[in-house]
Amino acid sequence: MSINQSKIKVGIVGSSGYTGGELIRLLINHPNCELIFANSKIYEGKYISEIHKDLEGEIEMKFSKEINNDIDVLFLCLGHGNSINFLEKNKLKEEIKIIDLSQDFRLETSFSNSKNSRNFTYGLPELQKEKIINSKNIANPGCFATTIQLGLLPLIEKDLIEGEIHTSAITGSTGAGIKPSPTTHFSWRNNNISWYKPFTHQHLNEINYSFNNLSNKKNKINFVPLRGDFTRGIFCTSYFKTSSKLSDLEILFKEYYKNDPFTFVSENEIHLKQVINTNKCLIHLHQNDDLIMVTSTIDNLIKGASGQAIQNMNLMFNINEEAGLKLKSSIF
């Protein structure tokens, strides 16, 4: 698609949550896109800026209940399991591309009924960019899965990890969604940290799926997710044994990600604020004897959700991969 062609017509289903709000914010500032509708059953007829107050003065559109088929791509920002239900109930034009932000199709599951028949590609650009470029339907990765995989992909591909991987990652409250719950309430979350779903988090399914396709070697991942007392971002550390030297691994990582515009390997220690409000993933490696620790960090709402979804759209429509995503971090 050249800059002289008409803009990509975009629709969003499930646009009233955190992910939907960030998607709207990014799309209305995207040079190659036109937002045709933002669907919400709850807020039908309300102005988008009434709900997403950061968009006050930037968009005059109201939430719609109807699905307009006159679009090029549809983003599904629905709860897990609801994307399948949506496709079962709605007949979409075959040429409409879909980017699903739920976990429904992340194991590259096909969907088929009398109304729709679609094959989904796992949308981690750093893992299978060419496949994404040639796909019509994308399953956007999970936020933890994105952070963990980007910190480990070069090592898994080269079979450089010896034994088990020990991973912990702390996430902000927006990772739990916009609907209030006991563990997202301010009085509980503030000045507090807790773990949840240790060793069983659902994102392990897609991580193991990707890694098993890369290597026959099975490295068990002992993953402990943590709830942080901040709103957005994921800070992850993974450590393991290896015979490789730190200097060789740094070269490996930089070579692996040399054509990926949002993933950077830093020789300095990294921190969470460096990536907030960006589509970046920052990675740092540290060695102690035969142990390597990889730190990786992203914004869970952007590289972990809406930004990565737009990155996938850019690839699918053959435009600049960075279009609409050149964002500065909110470091102060």
C-alpha atoms as a PDB file:
ATOM      1  CA  MET A   1       0.000   0.000   0.000  1.00  0.00           C
ATOM      2  CA  SER A   2       1.510   3.337  -1.038  1.00  0.00           C
ATOM      3  CA  ILE A   3       0.853   6.672   0.643  1.00  0.00           C
ATOM      4  CA  ASN A   4      -1.197   7.739  -2.388  1.00  0.00           C
ATOM      5  CA  GLN A   5      -3.732   4.968  -1.911  1.00  0.00           C
ATOM      6  CA  SER A   6      -6.859   5.363   0.202  1.00  0.00           C
ATOM      7  CA  LYS A   7      -6.535   4.866   3.927  1.00  0.00           C
ATOM      8  CA  ILE A   8      -7.117   1.550   5.671  1.00  0.00           C
ATOM      9  CA  LYS A   9     -10.704   1.458   6.942  1.00  0.00           C
ATOM     10  CA  VAL A  10     -10.760   0.165  10.505  1.00  0.00           C
ATOM     11  CA  GLY A  11     -13.435  -1.140  12.855  1.00  0.00           C
ATOM     12  CA  ILE A  12     -13.141  -2.097  16.532  1.00  0.00           C
ATOM     13  CA  VAL A  13     -15.395  -4.458  18.477  1.00  0.00           C
ATOM     14  CA  GLY A  14     -15.212  -4.198  22.255  1.00  0.00           C
ATOM     15  CA  SER A  15     -13.763  -0.705  22.389  1.00  0.00           C
ATOM     16  CA  SER A  16     -14.698   0.536  25.850  1.00  0.00           C
ATOM     17  CA  GLY A  17     -11.916  -1.120  27.880  1.00  0.00           C
ATOM     18  CA  TYR A  18      -8.289  -0.145  28.398  1.00  0.00           C
ATOM     19  CA  THR A  19      -7.095  -2.005  25.301  1.00  0.00           C
ATOM     20  CA  GLY A  20      -9.895  -0.576  23.143  1.00  0.00           C
ATOM     21  CA  GLY A  21      -9.191   2.938  24.378  1.00  0.00           C
ATOM     22  CA  GLU A  22      -5.489   2.697  23.568  1.00  0.00           C
ATOM     23  CA  LEU A  23      -6.329   1.234  20.169  1.00  0.00           C
ATOM     24  CA  ILE A  24      -8.613   4.185  19.380  1.00  0.00           C
ATOM     25  CA  ARG A  25      -5.977   6.673  20.557  1.00  0.00           C
ATOM     26  CA  LEU A  26      -3.309   5.143  18.346  1.00  0.00           C
ATOM     27  CA  LEU A  27      -5.518   4.634  15.292  1.00  0.00           C
ATOM     28  CA  ILE A  28      -6.911   8.179  15.133  1.00  0.00           C
ATOM     29  CA  ASN A  29      -3.306   9.398  15.010  1.00  0.00           C
ATOM     30  CA  HIS A  30      -2.179   6.772  12.486  1.00  0.00           C
ATOM     31  CA  PRO A  31      -1.253   8.354   9.123  1.00  0.00           C
ATOM     32  CA  ASN A  32      -2.635   5.449   7.071  1.00  0.00           C
ATOM     33  CA  CYS A  33      -5.899   4.694   8.891  1.00  0.00           C
ATOM     34  CA  GLU A  34      -9.482   5.865   9.089  1.00  0.00           C
ATOM     35  CA  LEU A  35     -11.544   4.696  12.056  1.00  0.00           C
ATOM     36  CA  ILE A  36     -14.994   3.794  10.694  1.00  0.00           C
ATOM     37  CA  PHE A  37     -16.634   2.579  13.910  1.00  0.00           C
ATOM     38  CA  ALA A  38     -15.926   1.630  17.516  1.00  0.00           C
ATOM     39  CA  ASN A  39     -18.436  -0.879  18.791  1.00  0.00           C
ATOM     40  CA  SER A  40     -19.666  -1.078  22.380  1.00  0.00           C
ATOM     41  CA  LYS A  41     -22.906  -2.693  23.552  1.00  0.00           C
ATOM     42  CA  ILE A  42     -22.648  -1.001  26.948  1.00  0.00           C
ATOM     43  CA  TYR A  43     -22.027   2.550  25.723  1.00  0.00           C
ATOM     44  CA  GLU A  44     -23.895   2.584  22.411  1.00  0.00           C
ATOM     45  CA  GLY A  45     -24.752   6.174  21.447  1.00  0.00           C
ATOM     46  CA  LYS A  46     -22.338   7.770  23.922  1.00  0.00           C
ATOM     47  CA  TYR A  47     -19.439   9.871  22.705  1.00  0.00           C
ATOM     48  CA  ILE A  48     -16.166   7.953  22.865  1.00  0.00           C
ATOM     49  CA  SER A  49     -14.516  10.839  24.722  1.00  0.00           C
ATOM     50  CA  GLU A  50     -17.129  10.522  27.498  1.00  0.00           C
ATOM     51  CA  ILE A  51     -15.667   7.116  28.363  1.00  0.00           C
ATOM     52  CA  HIS A  52     -12.048   7.529  27.221  1.00  0.00           C
ATOM     53  CA  LYS A  53     -11.535  10.974  28.702  1.00  0.00           C
ATOM     54  CA  ASP A  54      -7.944  11.236  27.451  1.00  0.00           C
ATOM     55  CA  LEU A  55      -9.490  11.624  23.961  1.00  0.00           C
ATOM     56  CA  GLU A  56     -11.427  14.785  24.855  1.00  0.00           C
ATOM     57  CA  GLY A  57     -11.133  17.174  21.899  1.00  0.00           C
ATOM     58  CA  GLU A  58      -9.562  14.518  19.655  1.00  0.00           C
ATOM     59  CA  ILE A  59     -12.556  12.504  18.430  1.00  0.00           C
ATOM     60  CA  GLU A  60     -16.254  13.334  17.956  1.00  0.00           C
ATOM     61  CA  MET A  61     -17.364   9.774  17.143  1.00  0.00           C
ATOM     62  CA  LYS A  62     -19.973   7.913  19.186  1.00  0.00           C
ATOM     63  CA  PHE A  63     -19.848   4.244  20.133  1.00  0.00           C
ATOM     64  CA  SER A  64     -21.906   2.128  17.758  1.00  0.00           C
ATOM     65  CA  LYS A  65     -23.876  -1.051  18.299  1.00  0.00           C
ATOM     66  CA  GLU A  66     -23.923  -2.142  14.666  1.00  0.00           C
ATOM     67  CA  ILE A  67     -21.051  -3.772  12.755  1.00  0.00           C
ATOM     68  CA  ASN A  68     -20.226  -1.982   9.496  1.00  0.00           C
ATOM     69  CA  ASN A  69     -18.914  -4.421   6.877  1.00  0.00           C
ATOM     70  CA  ASP A  70     -17.402  -1.612   4.791  1.00  0.00           C
ATOM     71  CA  ILE A  71     -13.968  -1.938   6.402  1.00  0.00           C
ATOM     72  CA  ASP A  72     -10.587  -3.457   5.592  1.00  0.00           C
ATOM     73  CA  VAL A  73      -9.624  -4.718   9.039  1.00  0.00           C
ATOM     74  CA  LEU A  74     -11.490  -5.509  12.245  1.00  0.00           C
ATOM     75  CA  PHE A  75      -9.878  -5.481  15.686  1.00  0.00           C
ATOM     76  CA  LEU A  76     -11.552  -7.723  18.263  1.00  0.00           C
ATOM     77  CA  CYS A  77     -10.955  -6.448  21.814  1.00  0.00           C
ATOM     78  CA  LEU A  78     -13.271  -8.906  23.529  1.00  0.00           C
ATOM     79  CA  GLY A  79     -12.903 -11.067  26.611  1.00  0.00           C
ATOM     80  CA  HIS A  80     -11.408 -14.512  26.223  1.00  0.00           C
ATOM     81  CA  GLY A  81     -13.910 -16.854  24.571  1.00  0.00           C
ATOM     82  CA  ASN A  82     -15.994 -13.991  23.196  1.00  0.00           C
ATOM     83  CA  SER A  83     -14.148 -13.684  19.877  1.00  0.00           C
ATOM     84  CA  ILE A  84     -15.303 -17.168  18.919  1.00  0.00           C
ATOM     85  CA  ASN A  85     -18.857 -16.239  19.903  1.00  0.00           C
ATOM     86  CA  PHE A  86     -18.662 -13.048  17.849  1.00  0.00           C
ATOM     87  CA  LEU A  87     -17.530 -14.878  14.717  1.00  0.00           C
ATOM     88  CA  GLU A  88     -20.265 -17.471  15.170  1.00  0.00           C
ATOM     89  CA  LYS A  89     -22.978 -14.814  15.325  1.00  0.00           C
ATOM     90  CA  ASN A  90     -21.754 -12.298  12.734  1.00  0.00           C
ATOM     91  CA  LYS A  91     -21.271 -12.788   9.026  1.00  0.00           C
ATOM     92  CA  LEU A  92     -18.251 -10.777   7.956  1.00  0.00           C
ATOM     93  CA  LYS A  93     -17.105 -10.195   4.408  1.00  0.00           C
ATOM     94  CA  GLU A  94     -14.404 -12.710   3.563  1.00  0.00           C
ATOM     95  CA  GLU A  95     -11.952  -9.996   2.540  1.00  0.00           C
ATOM     96  CA  ILE A  96     -12.063  -8.277   5.950  1.00  0.00           C
ATOM     97  CA  LYS A  97      -8.870  -9.001   7.862  1.00  0.00           C
ATOM     98  CA  ILE A  98      -9.137  -9.747  11.570  1.00  0.00           C
ATOM     99  CA  ILE A  99      -6.744  -9.002  14.409  1.00  0.00           C
ATOM    100  CA  ASP A 100      -7.956 -10.692  17.585  1.00  0.00           C
ATOM    101  CA  LEU A 101      -6.576  -9.520  20.924  1.00  0.00           C
ATOM    102  CA  SER A 102      -8.038 -12.378  22.993  1.00  0.00           C
ATOM    103  CA  GLN A 103      -6.399 -15.751  23.581  1.00  0.00           C
ATOM    104  CA  ASP A 104      -9.002 -17.618  21.504  1.00  0.00           C
ATOM    105  CA  PHE A 105      -6.737 -18.300  18.496  1.00  0.00           C
ATOM    106  CA  ARG A 106      -3.213 -17.966  19.887  1.00  0.00           C
ATOM    107  CA  LEU A 107      -2.375 -21.600  19.304  1.00  0.00           C
ATOM    108  CA  GLU A 108      -3.010 -20.815  15.612  1.00  0.00           C
ATOM    109  CA  THR A 109      -6.459 -22.352  15.900  1.00  0.00           C
ATOM    110  CA  SER A 110      -8.733 -22.327  12.862  1.00  0.00           C
ATOM    111  CA  PHE A 111     -12.322 -21.135  13.052  1.00  0.00           C
ATOM    112  CA  SER A 112     -15.042 -22.431  10.772  1.00  0.00           C
ATOM    113  CA  ASN A 113     -18.827 -22.439  10.616  1.00  0.00           C
ATOM    114  CA  SER A 114     -21.468 -21.707   7.996  1.00  0.00           C
ATOM    115  CA  LYS A 115     -20.750 -17.954   8.219  1.00  0.00           C
ATOM    116  CA  ASN A 116     -16.969 -17.841   8.560  1.00  0.00           C
ATOM    117  CA  SER A 117     -13.874 -19.880   7.837  1.00  0.00           C
ATOM    118  CA  ARG A 118     -10.569 -18.429   8.991  1.00  0.00           C
ATOM    119  CA  ASN A 119      -7.054 -19.589   9.842  1.00  0.00           C
ATOM    120  CA  PHE A 120      -5.188 -17.525  12.430  1.00  0.00           C
ATOM    121  CA  THR A 121      -1.477 -16.731  12.605  1.00  0.00           C
ATOM    122  CA  TYR A 122       0.260 -16.039  15.920  1.00  0.00           C
ATOM    123  CA  GLY A 123       1.171 -12.368  15.732  1.00  0.00           C
ATOM    124  CA  LEU A 124       4.557 -11.976  17.391  1.00  0.00           C
ATOM    125  CA  PRO A 125       6.438 -10.059  14.657  1.00  0.00           C
ATOM    126  CA  GLU A 126       9.881 -10.862  16.044  1.00  0.00           C
ATOM    127  CA  LEU A 127       9.074 -14.564  15.749  1.00  0.00           C
ATOM    128  CA  GLN A 128       7.361 -14.923  12.345  1.00  0.00           C
ATOM    129  CA  LYS A 129       7.161 -11.633  10.503  1.00  0.00           C
ATOM    130  CA  GLU A 130       6.937 -13.099   7.005  1.00  0.00           C
ATOM    131  CA  LYS A 131       4.054 -15.330   7.988  1.00  0.00           C
ATOM    132  CA  ILE A 132       2.198 -12.328   9.430  1.00  0.00           C
ATOM    133  CA  ILE A 133       2.748 -10.329   6.225  1.00  0.00           C
ATOM    134  CA  ASN A 134       1.023 -13.060   4.233  1.00  0.00           C
ATOM    135  CA  SER A 135      -1.826 -13.682   6.697  1.00  0.00           C
ATOM    136  CA  LYS A 136      -5.428 -12.474   6.765  1.00  0.00           C
ATOM    137  CA  ASN A 137      -6.157 -13.261  10.407  1.00  0.00           C
ATOM    138  CA  ILE A 138      -3.886 -12.575  13.370  1.00  0.00           C
ATOM    139  CA  ALA A 139      -4.012 -13.759  16.976  1.00  0.00           C
ATOM    140  CA  ASN A 140      -2.293 -10.999  18.934  1.00  0.00           C
ATOM    141  CA  PRO A 141       0.001 -12.388  21.676  1.00  0.00           C
ATOM    142  CA  GLY A 142      -0.616 -11.985  25.380  1.00  0.00           C
ATOM    143  CA  CYS A 143       1.267  -9.323  27.317  1.00  0.00           C
ATOM    144  CA  PHE A 144       3.225 -11.684  29.608  1.00  0.00           C
ATOM    145  CA  ALA A 145       3.847 -14.004  26.662  1.00  0.00           C
ATOM    146  CA  THR A 146       5.284 -11.139  24.601  1.00  0.00           C
ATOM    147  CA  THR A 147       7.630 -10.021  27.364  1.00  0.00           C
ATOM    148  CA  ILE A 148       8.871 -13.490  28.253  1.00  0.00           C
ATOM    149  CA  GLN A 149       9.322 -14.708  24.674  1.00  0.00           C
ATOM    150  CA  LEU A 150      11.250 -11.645  23.527  1.00  0.00           C
ATOM    151  CA  GLY A 151      13.659 -12.214  26.392  1.00  0.00           C
ATOM    152  CA  LEU A 152      14.244 -15.862  25.453  1.00  0.00           C
ATOM    153  CA  LEU A 153      13.660 -16.422  21.704  1.00  0.00           C
ATOM    154  CA  PRO A 154      17.319 -16.237  20.543  1.00  0.00           C
ATOM    155  CA  LEU A 155      18.359 -18.691  23.268  1.00  0.00           C
ATOM    156  CA  ILE A 156      15.575 -21.167  22.546  1.00  0.00           C
ATOM    157  CA  GLU A 157      16.307 -21.149  18.821  1.00  0.00           C
ATOM    158  CA  LYS A 158      19.988 -21.945  19.451  1.00  0.00           C
ATOM    159  CA  ASP A 159      19.332 -24.457  22.302  1.00  0.00           C
ATOM    160  CA  LEU A 160      21.613 -22.540  24.659  1.00  0.00           C
ATOM    161  CA  ILE A 161      19.603 -22.955  27.870  1.00  0.00           C
ATOM    162  CA  GLU A 162      20.615 -25.802  30.164  1.00  0.00           C
ATOM    163  CA  GLY A 163      17.825 -27.102  32.384  1.00  0.00           C
ATOM    164  CA  GLU A 164      14.829 -25.181  33.664  1.00  0.00           C
ATOM    165  CA  ILE A 165      13.995 -21.497  33.237  1.00  0.00           C
ATOM    166  CA  HIS A 166      12.927 -19.466  36.255  1.00  0.00           C
ATOM    167  CA  THR A 167      10.813 -16.440  35.370  1.00  0.00           C
ATOM    168  CA  SER A 168       9.054 -13.787  37.400  1.00  0.00           C
ATOM    169  CA  ALA A 169       7.189 -10.813  35.957  1.00  0.00           C
ATOM    170  CA  ILE A 170       5.340  -7.982  37.674  1.00  0.00           C
ATOM    171  CA  THR A 171       2.461  -6.243  35.895  1.00  0.00           C
ATOM    172  CA  GLY A 172       0.397  -3.118  36.441  1.00  0.00           C
ATOM    173  CA  SER A 173      -3.282  -3.094  37.371  1.00  0.00           C
ATOM    174  CA  THR A 174      -4.445  -2.384  33.787  1.00  0.00           C
ATOM    175  CA  GLY A 175      -3.421  -5.944  32.941  1.00  0.00           C
ATOM    176  CA  ALA A 176      -6.496  -7.132  34.862  1.00  0.00           C
ATOM    177  CA  GLY A 177      -8.880  -5.148  32.644  1.00  0.00           C
ATOM    178  CA  ILE A 178     -11.218  -2.240  33.305  1.00  0.00           C
ATOM    179  CA  LYS A 179     -13.887  -4.147  35.257  1.00  0.00           C
ATOM    180  CA  PRO A 180     -13.280  -3.602  39.010  1.00  0.00           C
ATOM    181  CA  SER A 181     -12.251  -6.567  41.146  1.00  0.00           C
ATOM    182  CA  PRO A 182     -10.914  -6.979  44.692  1.00  0.00           C
ATOM    183  CA  THR A 183      -7.304  -7.097  43.454  1.00  0.00           C
ATOM    184  CA  THR A 184      -7.600  -3.976  41.247  1.00  0.00           C
ATOM    185  CA  HIS A 185      -9.299  -1.777  43.836  1.00  0.00           C
ATOM    186  CA  PHE A 186      -6.993   1.150  44.746  1.00  0.00           C
ATOM    187  CA  SER A 187      -7.081   0.558  48.506  1.00  0.00           C
ATOM    188  CA  TRP A 188      -5.941  -3.047  47.964  1.00  0.00           C
ATOM    189  CA  ARG A 189      -3.464  -2.506  45.123  1.00  0.00           C
ATOM    190  CA  ASN A 190      -1.720   0.619  46.430  1.00  0.00           C
ATOM    191  CA  ASN A 191       1.520  -0.067  48.342  1.00  0.00           C
ATOM    192  CA  ASN A 192       0.953  -3.775  47.782  1.00  0.00           C
ATOM    193  CA  ILE A 193       2.430  -6.699  45.816  1.00  0.00           C
ATOM    194  CA  SER A 194       1.104 -10.243  45.479  1.00  0.00           C
ATOM    195  CA  TRP A 195       1.522 -13.289  43.265  1.00  0.00           C
ATOM    196  CA  TYR A 196      -1.198 -15.077  41.327  1.00  0.00           C
ATOM    197  CA  LYS A 197      -1.518 -18.199  39.155  1.00  0.00           C
ATOM    198  CA  PRO A 198       2.049 -19.369  39.981  1.00  0.00           C
ATOM    199  CA  PHE A 199       3.375 -21.948  37.476  1.00  0.00           C
ATOM    200  CA  THR A 200      -0.061 -22.204  35.770  1.00  0.00           C
ATOM    201  CA  HIS A 201      -0.662 -18.850  34.062  1.00  0.00           C
ATOM    202  CA  GLN A 202      -2.578 -19.245  30.776  1.00  0.00           C
ATOM    203  CA  HIS A 203       0.100 -17.423  28.755  1.00  0.00           C
ATOM    204  CA  LEU A 204       2.395 -20.411  29.268  1.00  0.00           C
ATOM    205  CA  ASN A 205       0.317 -22.257  26.658  1.00  0.00           C
ATOM    206  CA  GLU A 206       1.271 -19.905  23.836  1.00  0.00           C
ATOM    207  CA  ILE A 207       4.861 -19.564  25.048  1.00  0.00           C
ATOM    208  CA  ASN A 208       5.352 -23.334  25.027  1.00  0.00           C
ATOM    209  CA  TYR A 209       3.603 -23.572  21.658  1.00  0.00           C
ATOM    210  CA  SER A 210       6.050 -21.081  20.128  1.00  0.00           C
ATOM    211  CA  PHE A 211       9.114 -22.599  21.763  1.00  0.00           C
ATOM    212  CA  ASN A 212       8.153 -26.148  20.755  1.00  0.00           C
ATOM    213  CA  ASN A 213       7.959 -24.977  17.137  1.00  0.00           C
ATOM    214  CA  LEU A 214      11.443 -23.471  17.419  1.00  0.00           C
ATOM    215  CA  SER A 215      13.257 -26.296  19.158  1.00  0.00           C
ATOM    216  CA  ASN A 216      12.871 -29.971  20.021  1.00  0.00           C
ATOM    217  CA  LYS A 217      14.547 -29.308  23.351  1.00  0.00           C
ATOM    218  CA  LYS A 218      11.989 -28.867  26.134  1.00  0.00           C
ATOM    219  CA  ASN A 219      13.001 -26.247  28.720  1.00  0.00           C
ATOM    220  CA  LYS A 220      10.453 -26.096  31.524  1.00  0.00           C
ATOM    221  CA  ILE A 221       9.449 -22.529  32.447  1.00  0.00           C
ATOM    222  CA  ASN A 222       8.719 -21.941  36.132  1.00  0.00           C
ATOM    223  CA  PHE A 223       6.717 -18.718  35.832  1.00  0.00           C
ATOM    224  CA  VAL A 224       5.512 -16.635  38.780  1.00  0.00           C
ATOM    225  CA  PRO A 225       3.349 -13.607  37.830  1.00  0.00           C
ATOM    226  CA  LEU A 226       3.139 -10.715  40.284  1.00  0.00           C
ATOM    227  CA  ARG A 227       0.621  -7.892  40.737  1.00  0.00           C
ATOM    228  CA  GLY A 228       2.313  -4.510  41.080  1.00  0.00           C
ATOM    229  CA  ASP A 229       1.099  -1.307  42.718  1.00  0.00           C
ATOM    230  CA  PHE A 230       1.325   0.708  39.461  1.00  0.00           C
ATOM    231  CA  THR A 231      -1.035   1.053  36.512  1.00  0.00           C
ATOM    232  CA  ARG A 232       0.813  -0.133  33.407  1.00  0.00           C
ATOM    233  CA  GLY A 233       3.888  -2.000  32.262  1.00  0.00           C
ATOM    234  CA  ILE A 234       5.519  -5.414  32.745  1.00  0.00           C
ATOM    235  CA  PHE A 235       8.997  -5.934  34.186  1.00  0.00           C
ATOM    236  CA  CYS A 236      10.261  -9.484  33.712  1.00  0.00           C
ATOM    237  CA  THR A 237      13.373 -11.432  34.731  1.00  0.00           C
ATOM    238  CA  SER A 238      14.274 -14.942  33.564  1.00  0.00           C
ATOM    239  CA  TYR A 239      17.354 -16.814  34.744  1.00  0.00           C
ATOM    240  CA  PHE A 240      18.855 -20.175  33.788  1.00  0.00           C
ATOM    241  CA  LYS A 241      22.132 -22.041  33.418  1.00  0.00           C
ATOM    242  CA  THR A 242      24.198 -21.876  30.232  1.00  0.00           C
ATOM    243  CA  SER A 243      27.734 -22.568  29.069  1.00  0.00           C
ATOM    244  CA  SER A 244      27.705 -19.470  26.866  1.00  0.00           C
ATOM    245  CA  LYS A 245      29.561 -16.261  27.653  1.00  0.00           C
ATOM    246  CA  LEU A 246      27.728 -13.013  28.219  1.00  0.00           C
ATOM    247  CA  SER A 247      29.576 -11.238  25.403  1.00  0.00           C
ATOM    248  CA  ASP A 248      28.587 -13.974  22.920  1.00  0.00           C
ATOM    249  CA  LEU A 249      24.938 -13.823  24.014  1.00  0.00           C
ATOM    250  CA  GLU A 250      24.819 -10.044  23.609  1.00  0.00           C
ATOM    251  CA  ILE A 251      26.066 -10.436  20.032  1.00  0.00           C
ATOM    252  CA  LEU A 252      23.486 -13.183  19.445  1.00  0.00           C
ATOM    253  CA  PHE A 253      20.604 -11.036  20.719  1.00  0.00           C
ATOM    254  CA  LYS A 254      21.604  -7.964  18.725  1.00  0.00           C
ATOM    255  CA  GLU A 255      21.913 -10.019  15.558  1.00  0.00           C
ATOM    256  CA  TYR A 256      18.573 -11.756  16.178  1.00  0.00           C
ATOM    257  CA  TYR A 257      16.676  -8.475  16.605  1.00  0.00           C
ATOM    258  CA  LYS A 258      18.592  -6.338  14.088  1.00  0.00           C
ATOM    259  CA  ASN A 259      15.578  -6.089  11.734  1.00  0.00           C
ATOM    260  CA  ASP A 260      12.996  -5.554  14.472  1.00  0.00           C
ATOM    261  CA  PRO A 261      12.355  -1.827  14.963  1.00  0.00           C
ATOM    262  CA  PHE A 262      10.828  -2.075  18.450  1.00  0.00           C
ATOM    263  CA  THR A 263      13.064  -4.572  20.262  1.00  0.00           C
ATOM    264  CA  PHE A 264      16.353  -3.299  21.619  1.00  0.00           C
ATOM    265  CA  VAL A 265      19.201  -4.929  23.541  1.00  0.00           C
ATOM    266  CA  SER A 266      20.734  -2.572  26.079  1.00  0.00           C
ATOM    267  CA  GLU A 267      24.165  -2.915  27.638  1.00  0.00           C
ATOM    268  CA  ASN A 268      22.868  -0.869  30.569  1.00  0.00           C
ATOM    269  CA  GLU A 269      20.424  -1.950  33.258  1.00  0.00           C
ATOM    270  CA  ILE A 270      16.868  -1.168  32.176  1.00  0.00           C
ATOM    271  CA  HIS A 271      13.783  -0.012  34.063  1.00  0.00           C
ATOM    272  CA  LEU A 272      10.041   0.063  33.498  1.00  0.00           C
ATOM    273  CA  LYS A 273       9.552   3.759  32.773  1.00  0.00           C
ATOM    274  CA  GLN A 274      11.744   3.532  29.682  1.00  0.00           C
ATOM    275  CA  VAL A 275       8.990   1.694  27.798  1.00  0.00           C
ATOM    276  CA  ILE A 276       5.761   3.152  29.200  1.00  0.00           C
ATOM    277  CA  ASN A 277       3.601   4.625  26.383  1.00  0.00           C
ATOM    278  CA  THR A 278       5.787   2.991  23.711  1.00  0.00           C
ATOM    279  CA  ASN A 279       5.714  -0.115  21.519  1.00  0.00           C
ATOM    280  CA  LYS A 280       9.261  -0.979  22.622  1.00  0.00           C
ATOM    281  CA  CYS A 281      10.650  -4.018  24.323  1.00  0.00           C
ATOM    282  CA  LEU A 282      13.960  -3.407  26.084  1.00  0.00           C
ATOM    283  CA  ILE A 283      16.218  -6.342  26.952  1.00  0.00           C
ATOM    284  CA  HIS A 284      19.294  -6.565  29.182  1.00  0.00           C
ATOM    285  CA  LEU A 285      21.531  -9.566  29.944  1.00  0.00           C
ATOM    286  CA  HIS A 286      23.479 -10.153  33.156  1.00  0.00           C
ATOM    287  CA  GLN A 287      25.813 -13.034  34.061  1.00  0.00           C
ATOM    288  CA  ASN A 288      26.890 -14.527  37.366  1.00  0.00           C
ATOM    289  CA  ASP A 289      29.092 -17.633  37.009  1.00  0.00           C
ATOM    290  CA  ASP A 290      27.065 -20.109  34.903  1.00  0.00           C
ATOM    291  CA  LEU A 291      23.783 -18.241  35.429  1.00  0.00           C
ATOM    292  CA  ILE A 292      22.379 -15.747  32.922  1.00  0.00           C
ATOM    293  CA  MET A 293      19.573 -13.388  33.864  1.00  0.00           C
ATOM    294  CA  VAL A 294      17.596 -11.770  31.049  1.00  0.00           C
ATOM    295  CA  THR A 295      15.511  -8.713  31.882  1.00  0.00           C
ATOM    296  CA  SER A 296      12.767  -7.697  29.464  1.00  0.00           C
ATOM    297  CA  THR A 297      10.187  -4.948  29.842  1.00  0.00           C
ATOM    298  CA  ILE A 298       7.204  -3.623  27.852  1.00  0.00           C
ATOM    299  CA  ASP A 299       4.093  -1.498  28.202  1.00  0.00           C
ATOM    300  CA  ASN A 300       1.365  -4.137  28.603  1.00  0.00           C
ATOM    301  CA  LEU A 301      -1.272  -1.982  26.862  1.00  0.00           C
ATOM    302  CA  ILE A 302       0.870  -1.113  23.834  1.00  0.00           C
ATOM    303  CA  LYS A 303       3.544  -3.674  22.920  1.00  0.00           C
ATOM    304  CA  GLY A 304       1.551  -6.135  25.015  1.00  0.00           C
ATOM    305  CA  ALA A 305      -1.751  -5.389  23.265  1.00  0.00           C
ATOM    306  CA  SER A 306      -2.900  -2.452  21.104  1.00  0.00           C
ATOM    307  CA  GLY A 307       0.473  -1.298  19.764  1.00  0.00           C
ATOM    308  CA  GLN A 308       1.498  -4.786  18.733  1.00  0.00           C
ATOM    309  CA  ALA A 309      -1.917  -5.226  17.079  1.00  0.00           C
ATOM    310  CA  ILE A 310      -1.251  -2.107  14.988  1.00  0.00           C
ATOM    311  CA  GLN A 311       2.278  -3.327  14.241  1.00  0.00           C
ATOM    312  CA  ASN A 312       0.676  -6.499  12.868  1.00  0.00           C
ATOM    313  CA  MET A 313      -1.802  -4.453  10.827  1.00  0.00           C
ATOM    314  CA  ASN A 314       1.058  -2.447   9.319  1.00  0.00           C
ATOM    315  CA  LEU A 315       2.768  -5.666   8.253  1.00  0.00           C
ATOM    316  CA  MET A 316      -0.446  -7.164   6.837  1.00  0.00           C
ATOM    317  CA  PHE A 317      -1.102  -4.074   4.691  1.00  0.00           C
ATOM    318  CA  ASN A 318       2.523  -3.695   3.577  1.00  0.00           C
ATOM    319  CA  ILE A 319       3.104  -0.252   5.082  1.00  0.00           C
ATOM    320  CA  ASN A 320       5.914   0.995   7.316  1.00  0.00           C
ATOM    321  CA  GLU A 321       6.028  -1.327  10.332  1.00  0.00           C
ATOM    322  CA  GLU A 322       6.574   1.689  12.598  1.00  0.00           C
ATOM    323  CA  ALA A 323       3.663   3.754  11.226  1.00  0.00           C
ATOM    324  CA  GLY A 324       1.608   5.280  14.030  1.00  0.00           C
ATOM    325  CA  LEU A 325       3.883   3.789  16.678  1.00  0.00           C
ATOM    326  CA  LYS A 326       6.776   6.221  17.006  1.00  0.00           C
ATOM    327  CA  LEU A 327       5.957   7.072  20.614  1.00  0.00           C
ATOM    328  CA  LYS A 328       8.021   8.642  23.364  1.00  0.00           C
ATOM    329  CA  SER A 329       8.164   7.001  26.769  1.00  0.00           C
ATOM    330  CA  SER A 330       6.619   8.730  29.791  1.00  0.00           C
ATOM    331  CA  ILE A 331       9.801   8.608  31.837  1.00  0.00           C
ATOM    332  CA  PHE A 332       9.050  11.438  34.249  1.00  0.00           C
END
